[in-house]
Protein backbone atom coordinates (compact mmCIF):
# COMPACT_ATOMS: atom_id res chain seq x y z
CA MET A 1 -22.19 -140.52 -10.25
CA LYS A 2 -24.87 -141.53 -12.77
CA LYS A 3 -26.88 -138.47 -11.85
CA ALA A 4 -23.91 -136.12 -12.40
CA LYS A 5 -23.25 -137.47 -15.86
CA SER A 6 -26.87 -137.01 -16.71
CA ASN A 7 -26.72 -133.34 -15.82
CA ARG A 8 -23.63 -132.72 -17.98
CA HIS A 9 -25.31 -134.30 -20.97
CA PHE A 10 -28.33 -132.05 -20.54
CA LEU A 11 -26.17 -128.89 -20.34
CA CYS A 12 -24.27 -129.82 -23.50
CA LEU A 13 -27.59 -130.32 -25.32
CA ILE A 14 -28.81 -126.86 -24.34
CA LEU A 15 -25.59 -125.16 -25.54
CA THR A 16 -25.71 -126.98 -28.88
CA ILE A 17 -29.27 -125.72 -29.51
CA ILE A 18 -28.30 -122.11 -28.70
CA LEU A 19 -25.32 -122.27 -31.06
CA LEU A 20 -27.45 -123.55 -33.90
CA VAL A 21 -30.06 -120.82 -33.47
CA THR A 22 -27.42 -118.10 -33.39
CA CYS A 23 -25.64 -119.21 -36.56
CA SER A 24 -28.76 -119.67 -38.62
CA PRO A 25 -29.28 -115.89 -39.62
CA ILE A 26 -25.67 -115.57 -40.72
CA GLY A 27 -26.06 -118.50 -43.05
CA ALA A 28 -29.30 -117.09 -44.41
CA LEU A 29 -27.63 -113.76 -45.10
CA ALA A 30 -24.79 -115.55 -46.82
CA GLU A 31 -27.18 -117.43 -48.98
CA SER A 32 -29.14 -114.38 -49.88
CA SER A 33 -25.99 -112.56 -50.99
CA ASN A 34 -26.32 -114.17 -54.35
CA ASP A 35 -29.56 -112.21 -54.82
CA PRO A 36 -29.00 -109.26 -57.23
CA GLY A 37 -31.58 -107.08 -55.40
CA LEU A 38 -29.43 -106.80 -52.28
CA ASN A 39 -26.21 -105.44 -53.89
CA ASN A 40 -26.87 -101.72 -53.14
CA THR A 41 -27.55 -102.37 -49.47
CA ALA A 42 -24.32 -104.27 -49.15
CA SER A 43 -22.35 -101.36 -50.73
CA GLY A 44 -23.88 -98.85 -48.29
CA MET A 45 -22.87 -100.98 -45.33
CA GLU A 46 -19.34 -101.11 -46.64
CA LEU A 47 -19.10 -97.20 -46.85
CA LEU A 48 -20.33 -96.78 -43.32
CA GLY A 49 -17.57 -98.95 -42.07
CA ASN A 50 -14.79 -96.73 -43.57
CA SER A 51 -13.66 -92.98 -42.54
CA ILE A 52 -14.32 -89.95 -44.86
CA GLU A 53 -11.42 -89.19 -47.17
CA GLN A 54 -9.60 -85.67 -46.53
CA GLY A 55 -8.12 -83.24 -49.06
CA THR A 56 -4.45 -82.47 -49.53
CA LEU A 57 -4.45 -78.65 -49.11
CA ILE A 58 -2.91 -77.33 -45.89
CA PRO A 59 -4.60 -74.41 -44.03
CA ILE A 60 -2.30 -71.49 -43.11
CA ILE A 61 -2.00 -70.72 -39.37
CA ALA A 62 -0.80 -67.19 -38.43
CA PHE A 63 0.12 -66.18 -34.88
CA SER A 64 0.37 -62.58 -33.57
CA ASP A 65 3.88 -61.54 -32.56
CA GLN A 66 3.29 -57.82 -31.74
CA ALA A 67 0.42 -57.97 -29.28
CA VAL A 68 0.25 -54.93 -26.94
CA TYR A 69 -2.47 -54.28 -24.42
CA ASN A 70 -5.19 -52.03 -25.84
CA GLY A 71 -8.10 -52.68 -23.52
CA ASN A 72 -9.89 -54.97 -26.00
CA PRO A 73 -9.88 -58.78 -26.54
CA GLN A 74 -7.08 -59.74 -28.94
CA ILE A 75 -7.21 -62.63 -31.39
CA LEU A 76 -3.72 -64.08 -31.18
CA ALA A 77 -4.05 -66.65 -34.04
CA THR A 78 -5.93 -67.01 -37.28
CA ILE A 79 -6.38 -69.96 -39.69
CA ASN A 80 -6.57 -68.94 -43.33
CA PRO A 81 -7.22 -70.90 -46.53
CA ASP A 82 -4.59 -71.73 -49.12
CA PRO A 83 -4.33 -68.84 -51.61
CA ASP A 84 -5.28 -71.27 -54.43
CA GLY A 85 -7.84 -73.23 -52.45
CA PRO A 86 -11.46 -72.84 -51.43
CA GLU A 87 -12.65 -71.16 -48.26
CA LEU A 88 -12.31 -73.00 -44.97
CA ASN A 89 -15.28 -74.44 -43.19
CA PRO A 90 -15.71 -72.22 -40.08
CA GLU A 91 -17.11 -75.16 -38.15
CA MET A 92 -13.81 -76.96 -38.54
CA ILE A 93 -11.76 -74.10 -37.03
CA GLU A 94 -10.92 -74.21 -33.34
CA ILE A 95 -8.66 -71.71 -31.46
CA THR A 96 -8.25 -71.91 -27.71
CA TYR A 97 -6.32 -69.76 -25.18
CA GLN A 98 -4.86 -70.57 -21.82
CA GLY A 99 -2.23 -68.81 -19.72
CA ILE A 100 -1.23 -66.45 -16.90
CA LYS A 101 -2.08 -62.73 -16.84
CA SER A 102 0.50 -60.11 -15.81
CA ASP A 103 -1.11 -59.75 -12.41
CA GLY A 104 -0.52 -63.48 -11.78
CA GLU A 105 -4.12 -64.52 -12.25
CA ALA A 106 -4.67 -67.71 -14.28
CA TYR A 107 -6.52 -67.52 -17.56
CA PRO A 108 -8.35 -70.87 -17.95
CA GLN A 109 -8.64 -72.54 -21.35
CA SER A 110 -11.19 -70.69 -23.41
CA THR A 111 -12.13 -69.91 -26.98
CA LEU A 112 -12.55 -66.25 -25.94
CA PRO A 113 -9.49 -64.12 -26.82
CA PRO A 114 -7.70 -62.60 -23.78
CA THR A 115 -7.68 -58.87 -23.03
CA ASP A 116 -5.13 -58.33 -20.27
CA ALA A 117 -1.39 -58.33 -20.64
CA GLY A 118 0.12 -61.73 -19.93
CA THR A 119 1.57 -64.93 -21.40
CA TYR A 120 -0.81 -67.26 -23.21
CA THR A 121 -0.61 -70.69 -24.87
CA VAL A 122 -2.56 -70.56 -28.10
CA LEU A 123 -3.79 -73.75 -29.83
CA ALA A 124 -4.92 -73.29 -33.43
CA LYS A 125 -6.56 -76.37 -35.03
CA TYR A 126 -8.40 -77.26 -38.25
CA GLN A 127 -10.28 -80.62 -38.34
CA GLY A 128 -9.95 -81.09 -42.07
CA ASP A 129 -12.45 -81.54 -44.92
CA ASP A 130 -12.59 -82.89 -48.45
CA ALA A 131 -10.27 -80.06 -49.61
CA TYR A 132 -7.99 -79.49 -46.62
CA THR A 133 -6.13 -81.81 -44.38
CA SER A 134 -6.41 -81.49 -40.61
CA ILE A 135 -3.75 -79.44 -38.85
CA ALA A 136 -2.98 -78.25 -35.31
CA GLU A 137 -0.29 -75.95 -33.96
CA THR A 138 0.49 -74.51 -30.53
CA ARG A 139 2.48 -71.37 -29.65
CA GLU A 140 3.19 -69.26 -26.55
CA ILE A 141 2.34 -65.59 -27.14
CA LYS A 142 2.68 -62.53 -24.89
CA ILE A 143 0.37 -59.54 -24.74
CA LYS A 144 2.81 -56.81 -23.67
CA PRO A 145 1.88 -54.03 -21.22
CA LEU A 146 1.16 -50.64 -22.76
CA GLU A 147 4.12 -48.28 -22.29
CA LEU A 148 3.53 -44.91 -20.64
CA LYS A 149 6.01 -42.14 -21.45
CA THR A 150 7.38 -40.05 -18.61
CA THR A 151 6.76 -36.93 -20.70
CA ASP A 152 3.03 -37.71 -20.91
CA PHE A 153 2.32 -37.25 -17.22
CA PHE A 154 0.11 -34.37 -16.16
CA THR A 155 -1.99 -33.19 -13.23
CA GLU A 156 -5.59 -32.07 -13.04
CA LYS A 157 -4.46 -28.73 -11.59
CA PRO A 158 -1.20 -26.88 -12.31
CA VAL A 159 1.60 -27.55 -9.84
CA VAL A 160 2.27 -24.16 -8.30
CA LYS A 161 3.22 -22.62 -4.96
CA ILE A 162 4.07 -19.27 -3.42
CA TYR A 163 7.76 -18.62 -2.94
CA ASP A 164 8.86 -19.98 0.45
CA GLY A 165 12.64 -20.07 0.07
CA ASN A 166 12.94 -23.84 -0.51
CA THR A 167 12.22 -26.57 -3.09
CA ASN A 168 9.65 -28.47 -1.05
CA VAL A 169 6.34 -29.47 -2.61
CA ALA A 170 3.28 -29.37 -0.38
CA ASP A 171 1.36 -32.62 0.04
CA ASN A 172 -1.74 -31.25 -1.64
CA ALA A 173 0.09 -29.45 -4.44
CA ILE A 174 -0.04 -32.42 -6.83
CA GLN A 175 -3.61 -33.46 -7.50
CA GLY A 176 -4.93 -35.94 -10.05
CA LEU A 177 -1.64 -37.31 -11.38
CA ARG A 178 -2.42 -38.90 -14.76
CA ASN A 179 -0.81 -40.05 -17.98
CA THR A 180 -2.26 -39.42 -21.43
CA GLY A 181 -1.33 -42.97 -22.50
CA VAL A 182 -3.83 -44.63 -20.17
CA ILE A 183 -6.84 -45.95 -22.07
CA THR A 184 -10.01 -44.04 -21.29
CA MET A 185 -11.86 -47.03 -19.91
CA ASP A 186 -8.98 -47.69 -17.47
CA ILE A 187 -8.61 -44.21 -16.01
CA SER A 188 -10.48 -45.04 -12.82
CA ALA A 189 -8.64 -48.36 -12.47
CA VAL A 190 -5.07 -46.98 -12.82
CA ASN A 191 -3.47 -44.81 -10.14
CA PHE A 192 -0.02 -43.27 -9.76
CA SER A 193 1.98 -42.62 -6.63
CA TYR A 194 5.46 -41.29 -5.87
CA LYS A 195 7.89 -41.37 -2.98
CA ALA A 196 8.99 -37.71 -2.96
CA ALA A 197 8.60 -34.48 -4.89
CA LYS A 198 10.96 -31.49 -5.22
CA PHE A 199 11.13 -28.33 -7.29
CA LEU A 200 14.29 -28.12 -9.38
CA SER A 201 14.76 -24.50 -8.26
CA LYS A 202 13.51 -22.54 -5.28
CA ASP A 203 13.40 -19.28 -7.26
CA VAL A 204 10.48 -17.76 -9.12
CA LYS A 205 12.43 -17.06 -12.30
CA VAL A 206 14.90 -19.58 -13.71
CA VAL A 207 16.81 -19.86 -16.97
CA ASN A 208 14.51 -22.60 -18.22
CA SER A 209 11.00 -23.28 -17.02
CA ASN A 210 10.80 -24.66 -13.52
CA GLN A 211 9.82 -28.29 -12.93
CA VAL A 212 8.89 -30.67 -10.16
CA ILE A 213 10.65 -34.03 -10.06
CA LEU A 214 8.57 -36.94 -8.76
CA LYS A 215 10.82 -39.67 -7.39
CA GLU A 216 9.97 -43.30 -8.17
CA VAL A 217 6.54 -42.95 -9.68
CA ALA A 218 4.66 -46.26 -9.41
CA ILE A 219 1.42 -47.64 -10.88
CA SER A 220 -1.35 -49.20 -8.82
CA GLY A 221 -4.95 -50.19 -9.33
CA SER A 222 -6.80 -53.18 -10.78
CA LYS A 223 -5.50 -52.47 -14.29
CA SER A 224 -2.02 -51.36 -13.30
CA LYS A 225 -0.27 -54.54 -14.58
CA ASN A 226 -1.35 -53.69 -18.09
CA TYR A 227 0.99 -50.65 -18.13
CA LEU A 228 4.70 -49.86 -17.83
CA ILE A 229 6.43 -46.49 -17.39
CA VAL A 230 9.27 -45.85 -19.83
CA ASP A 231 11.64 -42.97 -20.35
CA GLU A 232 11.77 -42.41 -24.09
CA LYS A 233 14.86 -40.24 -23.69
CA LYS A 234 16.90 -43.12 -22.36
CA GLU A 235 17.65 -46.50 -23.80
CA ALA A 236 16.53 -48.30 -20.72
CA LYS A 237 14.43 -51.33 -20.05
CA PRO A 238 10.88 -50.36 -19.11
CA LEU A 239 10.39 -50.15 -15.37
CA THR A 240 7.39 -50.21 -13.12
CA ASN A 241 8.51 -46.96 -11.49
CA MET A 242 10.93 -44.14 -12.30
CA ASP A 243 11.41 -40.42 -11.92
CA VAL A 244 8.94 -38.13 -13.65
CA PHE A 245 9.29 -34.40 -14.38
CA LEU A 246 6.24 -32.16 -14.34
CA ALA A 247 5.92 -28.57 -15.47
CA ALA A 248 5.56 -26.41 -12.38
CA SER A 249 5.91 -22.81 -11.28
CA ILE A 250 6.59 -20.71 -8.19
CA ASN A 251 4.76 -17.42 -7.79
CA PRO A 252 6.41 -14.47 -6.04
CA LYS A 253 5.55 -13.79 -2.42
CA ALA A 254 3.58 -10.59 -1.92
CA VAL A 255 4.96 -7.98 0.47
CA ASP A 256 3.53 -4.77 1.85
CA VAL A 257 5.34 -1.55 0.97
CA ILE A 258 5.15 1.02 3.75
CA LEU A 259 5.09 4.69 2.76
CA THR A 260 6.35 7.22 5.24
CA GLY A 261 5.91 10.92 4.48
CA GLN A 262 6.55 14.15 6.31
CA ASP A 263 5.19 17.64 6.72
CA LYS A 264 6.10 20.13 4.04
CA VAL A 265 5.86 23.85 3.40
CA TYR A 266 3.34 24.88 0.80
CA ASP A 267 4.90 25.00 -2.66
CA GLY A 268 1.89 25.10 -4.95
CA THR A 269 1.94 21.33 -5.68
CA ALA A 270 0.52 18.19 -4.05
CA ASN A 271 3.85 16.37 -4.46
CA LEU A 272 5.82 14.95 -1.57
CA TYR A 273 9.49 15.08 -2.52
CA ASP A 274 11.01 13.78 0.67
CA TYR A 275 9.55 10.33 1.48
CA ARG A 276 10.68 6.91 2.63
CA LEU A 277 9.66 3.45 1.33
CA ALA A 278 10.14 0.36 3.49
CA ILE A 279 9.10 -3.31 3.40
CA ASN A 280 7.06 -5.05 6.06
CA GLN A 281 9.71 -7.41 7.41
CA ALA A 282 7.09 -9.95 8.50
CA ASP A 283 6.34 -10.63 4.82
CA LEU A 284 9.92 -11.70 4.03
CA ILE A 285 11.45 -15.15 4.28
CA LYS A 286 13.74 -15.37 7.29
CA GLY A 287 17.28 -14.32 6.41
CA GLU A 288 16.28 -12.38 3.29
CA GLU A 289 16.17 -8.62 2.87
CA VAL A 290 14.37 -6.51 0.30
CA GLY A 291 14.00 -2.76 -0.13
CA ALA A 292 11.80 -0.48 -2.24
CA PHE A 293 12.63 2.59 -4.30
CA GLY A 294 10.70 5.07 -6.41
CA ALA A 295 11.43 5.82 -10.04
CA GLU A 296 12.89 9.15 -11.12
CA ASN A 297 9.50 10.83 -11.52
CA PHE A 298 7.82 9.07 -8.62
CA TYR A 299 6.16 11.56 -6.30
CA PRO A 300 3.65 10.55 -3.65
CA TRP A 301 0.87 13.08 -3.17
CA TYR A 302 -1.06 14.63 -0.32
CA GLY A 303 -4.81 14.07 -0.31
CA ASP A 304 -6.76 10.87 -0.86
CA VAL A 305 -6.76 8.05 -3.39
CA ASN A 306 -8.73 10.00 -5.97
CA THR A 307 -7.85 13.63 -5.21
CA GLN A 308 -4.52 15.38 -4.87
CA GLN A 309 -4.44 18.29 -2.45
CA ASP A 310 -1.93 21.13 -2.76
CA LYS A 311 -3.48 23.56 -0.27
CA VAL A 312 -2.51 24.05 3.34
CA GLY A 313 -4.07 21.29 5.45
CA THR A 314 -3.60 17.82 7.00
CA TYR A 315 -3.63 14.77 4.72
CA ASN A 316 -2.52 11.20 4.19
CA VAL A 317 0.17 10.65 1.58
CA TRP A 318 -0.64 8.34 -1.35
CA ALA A 319 1.21 6.69 -4.24
CA THR A 320 0.16 4.45 -7.13
CA GLY A 321 2.77 2.55 -9.09
CA GLY A 322 6.18 3.82 -9.99
CA PHE A 323 7.95 2.06 -7.11
CA TYR A 324 9.96 -1.15 -7.27
CA LEU A 325 11.71 -3.78 -5.17
CA TYR A 326 15.43 -4.46 -4.94
CA GLY A 327 17.39 -7.20 -3.20
CA ILE A 328 19.81 -6.63 -0.36
CA ASN A 329 22.74 -8.90 0.56
CA GLY A 330 22.12 -11.37 -2.24
CA THR A 331 18.34 -11.63 -1.91
CA ASN A 332 16.65 -12.14 -5.29
CA PRO A 333 13.96 -9.44 -5.62
CA ASP A 334 12.16 -11.44 -8.33
CA ASN A 335 10.98 -13.79 -5.59
CA TYR A 336 8.80 -11.01 -4.20
CA THR A 337 6.06 -8.80 -5.55
CA ILE A 338 4.31 -5.71 -4.27
CA LYS A 339 1.08 -6.68 -2.55
CA ASN A 340 -0.82 -3.47 -3.31
CA ASP A 341 0.04 -1.17 -6.18
CA THR A 342 -1.67 1.71 -4.36
CA ILE A 343 -0.15 2.55 -0.98
CA PHE A 344 -0.72 5.28 1.57
CA SER A 345 0.83 6.49 4.78
CA LYS A 346 -0.50 5.19 8.07
CA GLN A 347 -0.48 8.69 9.54
CA LYS A 348 -1.37 12.14 8.30
CA TYR A 349 1.00 14.98 7.45
CA GLN A 350 0.63 18.73 7.18
CA ILE A 351 1.15 21.20 4.41
CA THR A 352 2.06 24.37 6.29
CA PRO A 353 1.90 27.94 4.91
CA ALA A 354 4.84 29.28 2.97
CA SER A 355 6.52 32.40 4.37
CA VAL A 356 6.60 35.46 2.14
CA THR A 357 7.69 39.04 2.72
CA VAL A 358 5.68 41.97 1.38
CA ILE A 359 7.60 45.21 0.81
CA PRO A 360 5.37 48.22 0.12
CA ALA A 361 6.29 50.58 -2.66
CA TYR A 362 6.60 54.37 -2.01
CA VAL A 363 3.30 56.04 -2.88
CA SER A 364 2.36 59.73 -2.68
CA LYS A 365 -0.52 62.04 -3.38
CA ASN A 366 -1.31 65.73 -3.26
CA GLN A 367 -3.22 66.94 -0.32
CA GLY A 368 -6.90 66.71 -0.91
CA GLU A 369 -6.65 64.02 -3.58
CA PRO A 370 -8.03 60.45 -3.12
CA ASP A 371 -5.57 57.80 -1.95
CA PRO A 372 -3.94 55.83 -4.77
CA ALA A 373 -3.58 52.01 -4.55
CA LEU A 374 -0.84 50.87 -2.22
CA THR A 375 1.45 48.72 -4.33
CA TYR A 376 4.03 46.21 -3.14
CA VAL A 377 6.41 43.43 -4.14
CA VAL A 378 6.46 39.89 -2.69
CA TRP A 379 9.52 37.79 -1.94
CA GLN A 380 9.52 34.09 -0.97
CA ASN A 381 11.52 33.59 2.20
CA GLU A 382 12.38 29.89 1.99
CA SER A 383 13.17 29.03 -1.59
CA GLY A 384 16.39 27.17 -0.80
CA ASP A 385 18.49 29.50 -2.93
CA GLY A 386 17.77 32.78 -1.24
CA PHE A 387 14.85 35.08 -1.87
CA VAL A 388 12.71 34.58 -4.94
CA LYS A 389 10.31 37.17 -6.19
CA GLY A 390 6.67 36.29 -6.48
CA LEU A 391 4.27 33.59 -5.33
CA TYR A 392 3.95 29.96 -6.49
CA GLY A 393 2.27 29.35 -9.80
CA ASP A 394 -0.75 31.55 -10.40
CA ASP A 395 -1.26 32.38 -6.74
CA VAL A 396 -2.32 35.88 -5.76
CA LEU A 397 -2.75 37.78 -2.49
CA TYR A 398 -6.24 38.89 -1.64
CA GLY A 399 -7.21 42.15 0.07
CA SER A 400 -4.98 45.23 0.27
CA LEU A 401 -2.44 47.15 2.34
CA GLU A 402 -3.52 49.99 4.59
CA ARG A 403 -1.80 53.25 5.59
CA GLU A 404 -1.64 55.25 8.72
CA SER A 405 -4.66 57.55 8.95
CA GLY A 406 -4.38 61.29 8.32
CA GLU A 407 -4.76 63.88 5.56
CA SER A 408 -2.18 66.46 6.58
CA VAL A 409 0.91 67.05 4.57
CA GLY A 410 3.59 64.60 5.65
CA THR A 411 4.65 60.92 5.61
CA TYR A 412 2.69 57.95 6.88
CA ASP A 413 3.45 54.30 7.66
CA VAL A 414 1.97 51.44 5.63
CA PHE A 415 0.49 48.33 7.33
CA LEU A 416 -0.46 44.82 6.17
CA GLY A 417 -4.13 45.59 6.31
CA SER A 418 -6.40 42.90 4.80
CA LEU A 419 -3.73 41.44 2.52
CA ASN A 420 -3.87 37.63 2.82
CA ASN A 421 -3.78 34.14 1.26
CA PRO A 422 -4.33 31.07 3.51
CA ASN A 423 -1.44 29.24 1.85
CA TYR A 424 1.05 31.91 2.88
CA GLN A 425 2.32 33.40 6.09
CA ILE A 426 2.75 37.08 5.16
CA THR A 427 5.24 39.41 6.81
CA LEU A 428 5.29 43.14 6.02
CA THR A 429 8.62 44.91 6.12
CA ASP A 430 9.94 48.42 5.36
CA GLY A 431 6.51 49.99 5.67
CA LYS A 432 7.61 53.13 7.55
CA ASP A 433 7.04 56.47 5.79
CA LYS A 434 6.03 54.70 2.58
CA PHE A 435 3.03 56.98 2.01
CA GLU A 436 3.35 60.77 1.67
CA ILE A 437 0.84 63.57 1.34
CA LEU A 438 2.27 66.51 -0.56
CA LYS A 439 1.18 70.13 -0.32
CA SER A 440 -0.96 71.16 -3.20
CA PRO A 441 1.04 73.33 -5.65
CA ASP A 442 0.37 77.24 -5.48
CA THR A 443 -2.25 78.62 -7.77
CA VAL A 444 -0.76 80.48 -10.78
CA ALA A 445 -1.62 84.31 -10.74
CA THR A 446 -2.83 86.13 -13.85
CA TYR A 447 -2.42 89.94 -14.58
CA THR A 448 -5.32 91.98 -15.96
CA GLY A 449 -4.75 95.70 -16.29
CA ASN A 450 -3.58 97.10 -12.97
CA ASP A 451 -4.94 94.16 -10.96
CA TYR A 452 -3.88 90.50 -10.25
CA ASP A 453 -6.46 87.80 -10.55
CA ASN A 454 -5.84 84.38 -9.11
CA GLY A 455 -8.24 82.97 -11.66
CA GLY A 456 -10.15 81.15 -9.07
CA ASN A 457 -11.53 83.98 -6.87
CA GLU A 458 -14.81 85.35 -8.04
CA SER A 459 -15.30 87.80 -5.10
CA GLY A 460 -13.63 90.73 -6.96
CA GLU A 461 -11.59 91.92 -4.00
CA ALA A 462 -9.66 95.10 -4.91
CA GLU A 463 -7.21 94.91 -2.15
CA LYS A 464 -4.18 92.72 -2.59
CA LYS A 465 -1.95 91.50 0.17
CA SER A 466 1.65 92.70 -0.04
CA PRO A 467 4.17 89.99 -0.54
CA VAL A 468 6.54 89.28 2.39
CA PRO A 469 9.99 91.05 1.89
CA TYR A 470 12.05 87.86 2.16
CA PHE A 471 15.03 89.30 0.27
CA GLY A 472 15.34 92.40 2.49
CA ILE A 473 15.17 90.42 5.65
CA ALA A 474 17.94 88.14 4.44
CA PHE A 475 20.15 91.13 3.52
CA LEU A 476 19.66 92.73 6.95
CA ILE A 477 20.64 89.51 8.73
CA LEU A 478 23.80 89.28 6.63
CA LEU A 479 24.83 92.84 7.60
CA LEU A 480 24.35 92.14 11.29
CA ILE A 481 26.59 89.11 11.08
CA ALA A 482 29.33 91.03 9.26
CA GLY A 483 29.21 93.88 11.79
CA GLY A 484 29.48 91.51 14.69
CA ILE A 485 32.58 89.94 13.24
CA PHE A 486 34.26 93.33 12.60
CA PHE A 487 33.69 94.80 16.05
CA GLY A 488 34.62 91.60 17.76
CA LYS A 489 38.00 91.52 16.01
CA ASN A 490 38.90 95.10 16.97
CA ARG A 491 38.06 94.43 20.62
CA LEU A 492 40.40 91.51 20.75
CA THR A 493 43.22 93.61 19.21
CA LYS A 494 42.99 96.24 21.91
CA MET A 495 43.12 93.64 24.64
CA ASP A 496 46.41 92.42 23.24
């Protein structure tokens, strides 16, 4: 027990010594406080123990209330100085952002302004200084998606098809569907799709311009949530998909026009007046019917594409322009077009000679004279209105007629001879006795003195031939007839 008490006394002694040593500097400082040379140090210690005093001006915090996605970071709050106060200390300004983007991705707290559409909590704070008091304010702000108008959609290539009798749109007809409202930097990150596409009209020509309607156009892609499709014509809440109308056109379907000709008789022209135009039925949409007709002055021609032939021969028949389509049984001809403006017959046709009749004129000459030209008239046999005099146009017949040989006085027949023209089939008619050789007229006698001179005989013959007594002979015959009648009558009387 005595030893335990001794230990407690020793411990108490040690604690008393420690307490005395610790309190000694405080007492010394207290005593030295009466020394004038230490006043400034004491004042400085007092300032360090107190906080810096702030001003009374209040900074102005402004939050954005019309933020729309534009592809760039957007400062959603600003802290501005009082209009009558000094500038703010930038180091005292702190603005932080935190929220959820439109695609559902979290935007962690950051001093960097957000870019994507979404909802963000914005904390704007000023720490205060000797002119301004500290202030902090929080607000929830939305960056709205950029609206895309339905009228601003377009395609990289025009939407067009050949008439097929329906309003269907081929899968590959719409390529590169875009909208002019998409920011350039987002073009590759924004895509558009649609559920169905139809032409408003199946016809080539409509009252207003034709269009394609895209049903339920939707946006996709990594930047798609930053955009909304709106119809500016309707007071409707913006949607992620809706119908879109695109300018489109339907081109007419080309069809072959078939030209059918026929043989014709030469008429001095290359024109084919009796022809037929038809449509290749394989080119038409099933159930539709179209025909072709030529204009009033439409005449196909015989020959080739560059040359018209009007002579007798065998040729294809050609036509260029001047023929048109028409609908049959309600078919709209505007939905079709002529495939080739220049057409020709698949087979060849003949121009055959025209038939003409040559009628020789009566021609005569005196015996011993040269033959005069054998003249004639020509009549067309197949004019449609009976016979027509002459040949076609400036045509002529070559060669000449010939007559029956002989130089004696009398009549002779006329033949066709060498008369010809390859474009005509020539028939000679009424050629009998159309050429006559007449006896040369008697030479006129001249009287000189007691002699007659024929004016053309230089032999000087003295003897003249007596003229034949034609009058006497006639008188004698008349007497014989009268006598026969007289005696015959008396004989009959006696028999009675």
